[in-house]
């Protein structure tokens, strides 16, 4: 039975500093970049053609204002996504804000009613800067690609992932998680 649902923004918060400093023409040190690559939450993005060194290579290239030399398709996608964050920090902050105030406590009863045999007491919704995947489910964790969060420029307070409202999207994916 689920007792809590935690939202984890640790990597996004670290990236916010990186994006802010880089957008202001600051140089972000290798040690800080490696600390981002070392977050345990980032392991969900790692696999074939994308690993800790990919994160270091891409973020270093951006911080040093260099083009990404070669790189895999996933590295190039990660580079593009990060460059997009730097184009408009106000929009980046609009992406982060709804996540900072996200309260998923109202889903606990709903999920428990949907499946009374849930083996987890705690679910975790983790946002990370991913390259390709929209979301990943791993045990009791729903990992969502931060780059897929889209605030509306026309409707204040409206945020979507794909074509779904942020809260509806998370609820749908948590239902998928508990019914696996």
N, C-alpha and C. Protein backbone atom coordinates (compact mmCIF):
# COMPACT_ATOMS: atom_id res chain seq x y z
N UNK A 1 0.83 -1.18 0.00
CA UNK A 1 0.00 0.00 0.00
C UNK A 1 0.88 1.25 0.00
N UNK A 2 0.57 2.17 -0.88
CA UNK A 2 1.34 3.40 -1.01
C UNK A 2 1.02 4.33 0.16
N UNK A 3 2.08 4.88 0.75
CA UNK A 3 1.91 5.87 1.81
C UNK A 3 2.32 7.27 1.36
N UNK A 4 3.34 7.34 0.49
CA UNK A 4 3.82 8.64 0.02
C UNK A 4 4.26 8.59 -1.44
N UNK A 5 4.19 9.75 -2.05
CA UNK A 5 4.73 9.94 -3.40
C UNK A 5 5.65 11.15 -3.33
N UNK A 6 6.91 10.93 -3.59
CA UNK A 6 7.92 11.99 -3.48
C UNK A 6 8.28 12.50 -4.88
N UNK A 7 8.43 13.80 -4.99
CA UNK A 7 8.92 14.41 -6.23
C UNK A 7 10.40 14.73 -6.02
N UNK A 8 11.24 14.28 -6.94
CA UNK A 8 12.68 14.47 -6.83
C UNK A 8 13.15 15.36 -7.99
N UNK A 9 13.62 16.55 -7.62
CA UNK A 9 14.12 17.52 -8.61
C UNK A 9 15.62 17.79 -8.45
N UNK A 10 16.32 16.93 -7.75
CA UNK A 10 17.73 17.17 -7.42
C UNK A 10 18.58 17.48 -8.66
N UNK A 11 18.45 16.67 -9.69
CA UNK A 11 19.28 16.88 -10.89
C UNK A 11 18.86 18.15 -11.61
N UNK A 12 17.56 18.39 -11.70
CA UNK A 12 17.07 19.61 -12.37
C UNK A 12 17.56 20.85 -11.63
N UNK A 13 17.55 20.81 -10.31
CA UNK A 13 18.05 21.95 -9.52
C UNK A 13 19.53 22.19 -9.81
N UNK A 14 20.32 21.13 -9.90
CA UNK A 14 21.74 21.26 -10.21
C UNK A 14 21.92 21.80 -11.63
N UNK A 15 21.10 21.33 -12.54
CA UNK A 15 21.19 21.80 -13.92
C UNK A 15 20.76 23.27 -14.03
N UNK A 16 19.83 23.69 -13.20
CA UNK A 16 19.38 25.09 -13.23
C UNK A 16 20.57 26.02 -12.98
N UNK A 17 21.40 25.68 -12.01
CA UNK A 17 22.60 26.49 -11.77
C UNK A 17 23.49 26.48 -13.01
N UNK A 18 23.69 25.29 -13.59
CA UNK A 18 24.54 25.16 -14.79
C UNK A 18 23.98 26.03 -15.92
N UNK A 19 22.68 25.93 -16.19
CA UNK A 19 22.07 26.69 -17.28
C UNK A 19 22.17 28.19 -17.02
N UNK A 20 21.92 28.59 -15.78
CA UNK A 20 21.96 30.01 -15.43
C UNK A 20 23.37 30.57 -15.61
N UNK A 21 24.35 29.89 -15.03
CA UNK A 21 25.74 30.34 -15.14
C UNK A 21 26.20 30.37 -16.59
N UNK A 22 25.87 29.34 -17.34
CA UNK A 22 26.29 29.26 -18.73
C UNK A 22 25.61 30.33 -19.58
N UNK A 23 24.34 30.58 -19.31
CA UNK A 23 23.61 31.60 -20.09
C UNK A 23 24.16 33.00 -19.83
N UNK A 24 24.77 33.18 -18.64
CA UNK A 24 25.37 34.47 -18.29
C UNK A 24 26.85 34.52 -18.68
N UNK A 25 27.25 33.62 -19.56
CA UNK A 25 28.62 33.54 -20.09
C UNK A 25 29.65 33.12 -19.04
N UNK A 26 29.17 32.52 -17.95
CA UNK A 26 30.09 32.00 -16.94
C UNK A 26 30.62 30.65 -17.36
N UNK A 27 31.75 30.27 -16.80
CA UNK A 27 32.34 28.97 -17.07
C UNK A 27 32.02 28.06 -15.89
N UNK A 28 31.43 26.93 -16.17
CA UNK A 28 31.11 25.95 -15.13
C UNK A 28 32.24 24.93 -15.11
N UNK A 29 32.81 24.71 -13.95
CA UNK A 29 33.96 23.83 -13.82
C UNK A 29 33.66 22.37 -14.06
N UNK A 30 34.70 21.65 -14.44
CA UNK A 30 34.58 20.21 -14.70
C UNK A 30 34.08 19.45 -13.48
N UNK A 31 34.52 19.87 -12.29
CA UNK A 31 34.12 19.17 -11.07
C UNK A 31 32.60 19.27 -10.87
N UNK A 32 32.04 20.44 -11.13
CA UNK A 32 30.59 20.60 -10.99
C UNK A 32 29.87 19.77 -12.05
N UNK A 33 30.38 19.79 -13.26
CA UNK A 33 29.77 19.01 -14.34
C UNK A 33 29.81 17.52 -14.00
N UNK A 34 30.93 17.06 -13.47
CA UNK A 34 31.03 15.65 -13.08
C UNK A 34 30.09 15.32 -11.93
N UNK A 35 29.84 16.29 -11.04
CA UNK A 35 28.90 16.03 -9.95
C UNK A 35 27.49 15.81 -10.50
N UNK A 36 27.15 16.49 -11.59
CA UNK A 36 25.86 16.27 -12.24
C UNK A 36 25.82 14.86 -12.83
N UNK A 37 26.88 14.50 -13.54
CA UNK A 37 26.95 13.16 -14.16
C UNK A 37 26.91 12.05 -13.11
N UNK A 38 27.39 12.36 -11.90
CA UNK A 38 27.45 11.36 -10.83
C UNK A 38 26.16 11.21 -10.02
N UNK A 39 25.18 12.07 -10.24
CA UNK A 39 23.91 11.91 -9.52
C UNK A 39 23.38 10.50 -9.78
N UNK A 40 22.95 9.83 -8.72
CA UNK A 40 22.43 8.47 -8.89
C UNK A 40 21.20 8.45 -9.79
N UNK A 41 20.44 9.53 -9.82
CA UNK A 41 19.26 9.60 -10.67
C UNK A 41 19.61 9.61 -12.16
N UNK A 42 20.80 10.09 -12.50
CA UNK A 42 21.21 10.15 -13.90
C UNK A 42 21.46 8.76 -14.49
N UNK A 43 21.67 7.75 -13.64
CA UNK A 43 21.94 6.41 -14.17
C UNK A 43 20.80 5.89 -15.04
N UNK A 44 19.59 6.43 -14.83
CA UNK A 44 18.46 5.99 -15.64
C UNK A 44 18.57 6.45 -17.09
N UNK A 45 19.37 7.46 -17.34
CA UNK A 45 19.58 7.95 -18.70
C UNK A 45 20.73 7.23 -19.39
N UNK A 46 21.53 6.51 -18.61
CA UNK A 46 22.73 5.89 -19.16
C UNK A 46 22.43 4.54 -19.79
N UNK A 47 23.15 4.27 -20.83
CA UNK A 47 23.01 3.01 -21.55
C UNK A 47 23.94 3.05 -22.75
N UNK A 48 23.54 2.34 -23.78
CA UNK A 48 24.35 2.30 -24.99
C UNK A 48 24.45 3.70 -25.60
N UNK A 49 25.64 4.15 -25.89
CA UNK A 49 25.92 5.43 -26.55
C UNK A 49 25.66 6.65 -25.67
N UNK A 50 25.44 6.47 -24.37
CA UNK A 50 25.25 7.62 -23.49
C UNK A 50 25.56 7.20 -22.06
N UNK A 51 26.58 7.86 -21.47
CA UNK A 51 27.00 7.53 -20.11
C UNK A 51 27.51 8.79 -19.41
N UNK A 52 28.16 8.61 -18.27
CA UNK A 52 28.69 9.76 -17.50
C UNK A 52 29.61 10.62 -18.35
N UNK A 53 30.45 9.96 -19.14
CA UNK A 53 31.37 10.71 -19.97
C UNK A 53 30.63 11.52 -21.04
N UNK A 54 29.50 11.02 -21.49
CA UNK A 54 28.68 11.76 -22.45
C UNK A 54 28.19 13.06 -21.83
N UNK A 55 27.71 12.98 -20.59
CA UNK A 55 27.24 14.17 -19.90
C UNK A 55 28.38 15.18 -19.76
N UNK A 56 29.55 14.69 -19.32
CA UNK A 56 30.72 15.56 -19.15
C UNK A 56 31.10 16.21 -20.47
N UNK A 57 31.18 15.41 -21.52
CA UNK A 57 31.60 15.91 -22.83
C UNK A 57 30.63 16.98 -23.34
N UNK A 58 29.33 16.71 -23.26
CA UNK A 58 28.33 17.63 -23.78
C UNK A 58 28.29 18.92 -22.96
N UNK A 59 28.20 18.79 -21.63
CA UNK A 59 28.09 19.99 -20.80
C UNK A 59 29.38 20.81 -20.82
N UNK A 60 30.52 20.15 -20.92
CA UNK A 60 31.79 20.88 -21.04
C UNK A 60 31.85 21.65 -22.35
N UNK A 61 31.44 21.02 -23.43
CA UNK A 61 31.45 21.69 -24.74
C UNK A 61 30.56 22.93 -24.70
N UNK A 62 29.39 22.80 -24.11
CA UNK A 62 28.47 23.95 -24.04
C UNK A 62 29.07 25.05 -23.17
N UNK A 63 29.58 24.69 -22.01
CA UNK A 63 30.16 25.68 -21.09
C UNK A 63 31.36 26.39 -21.71
N UNK A 64 32.13 25.66 -22.52
CA UNK A 64 33.31 26.23 -23.18
C UNK A 64 32.98 26.88 -24.52
N UNK A 65 31.70 26.92 -24.86
CA UNK A 65 31.22 27.50 -26.11
C UNK A 65 31.86 26.86 -27.33
N UNK A 66 31.88 25.53 -27.28
CA UNK A 66 32.44 24.75 -28.38
C UNK A 66 31.32 23.94 -29.02
N UNK A 67 31.48 23.63 -30.27
CA UNK A 67 30.55 22.72 -30.92
C UNK A 67 30.85 21.31 -30.40
N UNK A 68 29.85 20.49 -30.40
CA UNK A 68 30.05 19.10 -29.99
C UNK A 68 30.66 18.35 -31.16
N UNK A 69 31.87 17.87 -30.97
CA UNK A 69 32.54 17.13 -32.03
C UNK A 69 32.03 15.71 -32.04
N UNK A 70 31.54 15.29 -33.16
CA UNK A 70 30.95 13.96 -33.39
C UNK A 70 29.92 13.66 -32.32
N UNK A 71 30.12 12.63 -31.57
CA UNK A 71 29.14 12.26 -30.55
C UNK A 71 28.07 11.36 -31.13
N UNK A 72 27.47 10.60 -30.26
CA UNK A 72 26.38 9.71 -30.69
C UNK A 72 25.11 10.53 -30.90
N UNK A 73 24.11 9.90 -31.45
CA UNK A 73 22.82 10.56 -31.66
C UNK A 73 22.26 11.04 -30.31
N UNK A 74 22.40 10.22 -29.28
CA UNK A 74 21.88 10.58 -27.95
C UNK A 74 22.65 11.78 -27.38
N UNK A 75 23.97 11.81 -27.59
CA UNK A 75 24.76 12.95 -27.12
C UNK A 75 24.36 14.22 -27.86
N UNK A 76 24.14 14.12 -29.16
CA UNK A 76 23.72 15.30 -29.93
C UNK A 76 22.34 15.79 -29.49
N UNK A 77 21.44 14.87 -29.19
CA UNK A 77 20.11 15.24 -28.70
C UNK A 77 20.22 15.93 -27.34
N UNK A 78 21.06 15.39 -26.47
CA UNK A 78 21.29 15.98 -25.14
C UNK A 78 21.89 17.38 -25.31
N UNK A 79 22.82 17.54 -26.24
CA UNK A 79 23.43 18.85 -26.52
C UNK A 79 22.35 19.83 -26.99
N UNK A 80 21.52 19.41 -27.94
CA UNK A 80 20.45 20.28 -28.45
C UNK A 80 19.48 20.69 -27.35
N UNK A 81 19.08 19.73 -26.52
CA UNK A 81 18.15 20.03 -25.44
C UNK A 81 18.74 21.05 -24.45
N UNK A 82 20.00 20.88 -24.12
CA UNK A 82 20.64 21.82 -23.20
C UNK A 82 20.82 23.20 -23.82
N UNK A 83 21.14 23.25 -25.08
CA UNK A 83 21.27 24.54 -25.77
C UNK A 83 19.92 25.26 -25.79
N UNK A 84 18.85 24.51 -25.95
CA UNK A 84 17.50 25.06 -25.95
C UNK A 84 17.20 25.71 -24.59
N UNK A 85 17.66 25.10 -23.50
CA UNK A 85 17.44 25.67 -22.17
C UNK A 85 18.12 27.03 -22.03
N UNK A 86 19.25 27.19 -22.70
CA UNK A 86 20.02 28.42 -22.59
C UNK A 86 19.44 29.57 -23.41
N UNK A 87 18.61 29.25 -24.39
CA UNK A 87 18.05 30.29 -25.27
C UNK A 87 17.15 31.26 -24.53
N UNK A 88 16.40 30.77 -23.56
CA UNK A 88 15.43 31.61 -22.87
C UNK A 88 15.29 31.11 -21.44
N UNK A 89 16.05 31.69 -20.52
CA UNK A 89 16.01 31.25 -19.13
C UNK A 89 14.65 31.50 -18.49
N UNK A 90 13.92 32.46 -18.98
CA UNK A 90 12.57 32.70 -18.45
C UNK A 90 11.68 31.49 -18.75
N UNK A 91 11.80 30.95 -19.96
CA UNK A 91 11.03 29.76 -20.32
C UNK A 91 11.49 28.56 -19.51
N UNK A 92 12.79 28.43 -19.32
CA UNK A 92 13.33 27.34 -18.50
C UNK A 92 12.74 27.41 -17.10
N UNK A 93 12.69 28.59 -16.53
CA UNK A 93 12.10 28.76 -15.20
C UNK A 93 10.61 28.44 -15.21
N UNK A 94 9.94 28.74 -16.32
CA UNK A 94 8.51 28.39 -16.45
C UNK A 94 8.33 26.86 -16.47
N UNK A 95 9.33 26.15 -16.97
CA UNK A 95 9.27 24.69 -16.97
C UNK A 95 9.46 24.13 -15.57
N UNK A 96 10.35 24.76 -14.81
CA UNK A 96 10.69 24.27 -13.48
C UNK A 96 9.63 24.61 -12.44
N UNK A 97 9.04 25.78 -12.53
CA UNK A 97 8.12 26.24 -11.50
C UNK A 97 7.00 25.25 -11.16
N UNK A 98 6.26 24.72 -12.15
CA UNK A 98 5.17 23.80 -11.78
C UNK A 98 5.66 22.52 -11.11
N UNK A 99 6.90 22.16 -11.36
CA UNK A 99 7.46 20.97 -10.73
C UNK A 99 7.80 21.23 -9.27
N UNK A 100 8.25 22.45 -8.98
CA UNK A 100 8.60 22.81 -7.61
C UNK A 100 7.37 22.84 -6.69
N UNK A 101 6.21 23.11 -7.26
CA UNK A 101 4.99 23.19 -6.44
C UNK A 101 4.11 21.95 -6.62
N UNK A 102 4.63 20.95 -7.30
CA UNK A 102 3.88 19.73 -7.58
C UNK A 102 3.62 18.96 -6.29
N UNK A 103 2.35 18.69 -6.02
CA UNK A 103 1.97 17.92 -4.84
C UNK A 103 1.16 16.73 -5.34
N UNK A 104 1.70 15.55 -5.14
CA UNK A 104 1.05 14.34 -5.64
C UNK A 104 0.36 13.55 -4.54
N UNK A 105 0.26 14.12 -3.36
CA UNK A 105 -0.38 13.45 -2.23
C UNK A 105 -1.81 13.04 -2.52
N UNK A 106 -2.49 13.81 -3.37
CA UNK A 106 -3.88 13.50 -3.70
C UNK A 106 -4.01 12.21 -4.52
N UNK A 107 -2.92 11.71 -5.06
CA UNK A 107 -2.97 10.48 -5.85
C UNK A 107 -2.83 9.21 -5.02
N UNK A 108 -2.41 9.34 -3.77
CA UNK A 108 -2.16 8.16 -2.94
C UNK A 108 -3.41 7.29 -2.83
N UNK A 109 -4.52 7.87 -2.40
CA UNK A 109 -5.77 7.10 -2.26
C UNK A 109 -6.24 6.54 -3.59
N UNK A 110 -6.15 7.35 -4.62
CA UNK A 110 -6.59 6.93 -5.95
C UNK A 110 -5.81 5.72 -6.44
N UNK A 111 -4.50 5.74 -6.26
CA UNK A 111 -3.65 4.63 -6.68
C UNK A 111 -3.91 3.39 -5.83
N UNK A 112 -4.08 3.57 -4.53
CA UNK A 112 -4.36 2.44 -3.64
C UNK A 112 -5.70 1.79 -3.98
N UNK A 113 -6.69 2.60 -4.37
CA UNK A 113 -8.00 2.04 -4.77
C UNK A 113 -7.89 1.31 -6.10
N UNK A 114 -7.04 1.79 -6.98
CA UNK A 114 -6.88 1.18 -8.30
C UNK A 114 -6.20 -0.17 -8.23
N UNK A 115 -5.34 -0.36 -7.23
CA UNK A 115 -4.62 -1.62 -7.08
C UNK A 115 -4.33 -1.83 -5.60
N UNK A 116 -5.04 -2.73 -4.98
CA UNK A 116 -4.88 -2.95 -3.53
C UNK A 116 -3.69 -3.84 -3.21
N UNK A 117 -3.02 -4.38 -4.23
CA UNK A 117 -1.87 -5.26 -4.00
C UNK A 117 -0.54 -4.59 -4.31
N UNK A 118 -0.46 -3.29 -4.17
CA UNK A 118 0.76 -2.57 -4.49
C UNK A 118 1.84 -2.94 -3.48
N UNK A 119 3.00 -3.31 -3.98
CA UNK A 119 4.09 -3.74 -3.10
C UNK A 119 4.91 -2.59 -2.52
N UNK A 120 4.71 -1.39 -3.01
CA UNK A 120 5.52 -0.26 -2.59
C UNK A 120 4.77 0.65 -1.61
N UNK A 121 5.50 1.12 -0.59
CA UNK A 121 4.94 2.11 0.32
C UNK A 121 5.25 3.52 -0.16
N UNK A 122 6.32 3.65 -0.91
CA UNK A 122 6.75 4.96 -1.39
C UNK A 122 6.98 4.90 -2.90
N UNK A 123 6.41 5.85 -3.60
CA UNK A 123 6.69 6.02 -5.02
C UNK A 123 7.50 7.29 -5.17
N UNK A 124 8.32 7.33 -6.20
CA UNK A 124 9.14 8.50 -6.44
C UNK A 124 9.00 8.93 -7.89
N UNK A 125 8.73 10.20 -8.09
CA UNK A 125 8.66 10.79 -9.43
C UNK A 125 9.91 11.65 -9.57
N UNK A 126 10.79 11.24 -10.46
CA UNK A 126 12.09 11.87 -10.63
C UNK A 126 12.13 12.58 -11.99
N UNK A 127 12.54 13.83 -11.99
CA UNK A 127 12.72 14.57 -13.24
C UNK A 127 14.22 14.69 -13.48
N UNK A 128 14.65 14.27 -14.68
CA UNK A 128 16.05 14.39 -15.06
C UNK A 128 16.13 14.93 -16.49
N UNK A 129 17.25 15.57 -16.83
CA UNK A 129 17.45 15.98 -18.22
C UNK A 129 17.89 14.76 -19.02
N UNK A 130 17.00 14.24 -19.80
CA UNK A 130 17.22 13.01 -20.56
C UNK A 130 17.53 13.35 -22.00
N UNK A 131 17.82 12.37 -22.79
CA UNK A 131 18.10 12.61 -24.21
C UNK A 131 16.92 12.22 -25.08
N UNK A 132 16.44 11.01 -25.00
CA UNK A 132 15.43 10.55 -25.94
C UNK A 132 14.11 10.14 -25.27
N UNK A 133 14.19 9.29 -24.26
CA UNK A 133 13.00 8.73 -23.64
C UNK A 133 12.13 9.80 -23.00
N UNK A 134 10.82 9.63 -23.13
CA UNK A 134 9.89 10.55 -22.48
C UNK A 134 9.78 10.21 -20.99
N UNK A 135 9.76 8.92 -20.69
CA UNK A 135 9.72 8.47 -19.31
C UNK A 135 10.28 7.06 -19.22
N UNK A 136 10.66 6.69 -18.00
CA UNK A 136 11.17 5.35 -17.71
C UNK A 136 10.52 4.92 -16.39
N UNK A 137 10.14 3.67 -16.30
CA UNK A 137 9.65 3.12 -15.04
C UNK A 137 10.67 2.10 -14.57
N UNK A 138 11.11 2.26 -13.32
CA UNK A 138 12.08 1.35 -12.74
C UNK A 138 11.67 1.12 -11.29
N UNK A 139 11.24 -0.08 -10.99
CA UNK A 139 10.74 -0.43 -9.65
C UNK A 139 9.66 0.56 -9.23
N UNK A 140 9.90 1.27 -8.12
CA UNK A 140 8.91 2.22 -7.60
C UNK A 140 9.16 3.65 -8.08
N UNK A 141 9.94 3.78 -9.13
CA UNK A 141 10.32 5.11 -9.61
C UNK A 141 9.78 5.38 -11.02
N UNK A 142 9.21 6.56 -11.17
CA UNK A 142 8.81 7.08 -12.47
C UNK A 142 9.80 8.18 -12.80
N UNK A 143 10.59 7.97 -13.82
CA UNK A 143 11.61 8.94 -14.22
C UNK A 143 11.08 9.64 -15.47
N UNK A 144 10.95 10.96 -15.37
CA UNK A 144 10.39 11.75 -16.47
C UNK A 144 11.48 12.65 -17.05
N UNK A 145 11.51 12.71 -18.36
CA UNK A 145 12.45 13.57 -19.06
C UNK A 145 12.03 15.03 -18.88
N UNK A 146 12.83 15.79 -18.15
CA UNK A 146 12.52 17.19 -17.88
C UNK A 146 12.30 17.99 -19.16
N UNK A 147 13.03 17.66 -20.20
CA UNK A 147 12.94 18.42 -21.45
C UNK A 147 11.57 18.28 -22.12
N UNK A 148 10.75 17.35 -21.67
CA UNK A 148 9.41 17.15 -22.23
C UNK A 148 8.33 17.97 -21.51
N UNK A 149 8.69 18.62 -20.42
CA UNK A 149 7.74 19.46 -19.68
C UNK A 149 7.53 20.74 -20.48
N UNK A 150 6.27 21.04 -20.82
CA UNK A 150 5.97 22.21 -21.64
C UNK A 150 4.93 23.12 -20.99
N UNK A 151 5.39 24.27 -20.50
CA UNK A 151 4.42 25.25 -20.00
C UNK A 151 3.76 25.96 -21.17
N UNK A 152 2.51 26.30 -21.01
CA UNK A 152 1.80 27.01 -22.07
C UNK A 152 2.21 28.48 -22.07
N UNK A 153 2.42 29.00 -23.24
CA UNK A 153 2.72 30.43 -23.38
C UNK A 153 1.43 31.24 -23.42
N UNK A 154 0.30 30.55 -23.57
CA UNK A 154 -0.98 31.24 -23.76
C UNK A 154 -1.96 31.06 -22.60
N UNK A 155 -1.81 29.99 -21.83
CA UNK A 155 -2.70 29.74 -20.70
C UNK A 155 -1.87 29.66 -19.42
N UNK A 156 -1.99 30.65 -18.59
CA UNK A 156 -1.22 30.69 -17.36
C UNK A 156 -1.55 29.48 -16.49
N UNK A 157 -0.51 28.85 -15.98
CA UNK A 157 -0.68 27.71 -15.09
C UNK A 157 -0.86 26.38 -15.79
N UNK A 158 -0.95 26.37 -17.10
CA UNK A 158 -1.12 25.12 -17.84
C UNK A 158 0.24 24.57 -18.24
N UNK A 159 0.47 23.32 -17.85
CA UNK A 159 1.73 22.65 -18.19
C UNK A 159 1.39 21.25 -18.69
N UNK A 160 2.05 20.83 -19.76
CA UNK A 160 1.77 19.53 -20.35
C UNK A 160 3.05 18.74 -20.57
N UNK A 161 2.85 17.45 -20.78
CA UNK A 161 3.89 16.56 -21.30
C UNK A 161 3.20 15.83 -22.44
N UNK A 162 3.75 15.91 -23.61
CA UNK A 162 3.03 15.41 -24.78
C UNK A 162 1.79 16.27 -24.94
N UNK A 163 0.66 15.65 -25.08
CA UNK A 163 -0.59 16.39 -25.18
C UNK A 163 -1.41 16.33 -23.91
N UNK A 164 -0.82 15.85 -22.82
CA UNK A 164 -1.56 15.66 -21.58
C UNK A 164 -1.16 16.68 -20.52
N UNK A 165 -2.13 17.07 -19.72
CA UNK A 165 -1.88 17.90 -18.56
C UNK A 165 -0.84 17.21 -17.68
N UNK A 166 0.05 17.98 -17.08
CA UNK A 166 1.14 17.43 -16.27
C UNK A 166 0.63 16.46 -15.21
N UNK A 167 -0.39 16.85 -14.44
CA UNK A 167 -0.91 15.99 -13.38
C UNK A 167 -1.56 14.73 -13.94
N UNK A 168 -2.30 14.86 -15.03
CA UNK A 168 -2.92 13.69 -15.66
C UNK A 168 -1.84 12.74 -16.19
N UNK A 169 -0.80 13.30 -16.78
CA UNK A 169 0.29 12.50 -17.32
C UNK A 169 0.95 11.69 -16.20
N UNK A 170 1.26 12.36 -15.10
CA UNK A 170 1.92 11.67 -13.99
C UNK A 170 1.00 10.59 -13.42
N UNK A 171 -0.27 10.91 -13.25
CA UNK A 171 -1.22 9.92 -12.74
C UNK A 171 -1.27 8.70 -13.66
N UNK A 172 -1.35 8.92 -14.97
CA UNK A 172 -1.40 7.82 -15.94
C UNK A 172 -0.16 6.94 -15.83
N UNK A 173 1.01 7.57 -15.73
CA UNK A 173 2.26 6.79 -15.68
C UNK A 173 2.42 6.08 -14.34
N UNK A 174 1.93 6.68 -13.25
CA UNK A 174 1.99 6.00 -11.95
C UNK A 174 1.03 4.81 -11.94
N UNK A 175 -0.10 4.94 -12.62
CA UNK A 175 -1.02 3.79 -12.76
C UNK A 175 -0.32 2.66 -13.51
N UNK A 176 0.41 3.03 -14.54
CA UNK A 176 1.19 2.03 -15.28
C UNK A 176 2.22 1.36 -14.37
N UNK A 177 2.88 2.17 -13.55
CA UNK A 177 3.90 1.64 -12.63
C UNK A 177 3.29 0.63 -11.66
N UNK A 178 2.16 0.96 -11.04
CA UNK A 178 1.60 0.07 -10.01
C UNK A 178 0.94 -1.18 -10.59
N UNK A 179 0.62 -1.13 -11.88
CA UNK A 179 -0.05 -2.28 -12.50
C UNK A 179 0.90 -3.15 -13.32
N UNK A 180 2.19 -2.98 -13.14
CA UNK A 180 3.18 -3.79 -13.86
C UNK A 180 3.29 -5.15 -13.25
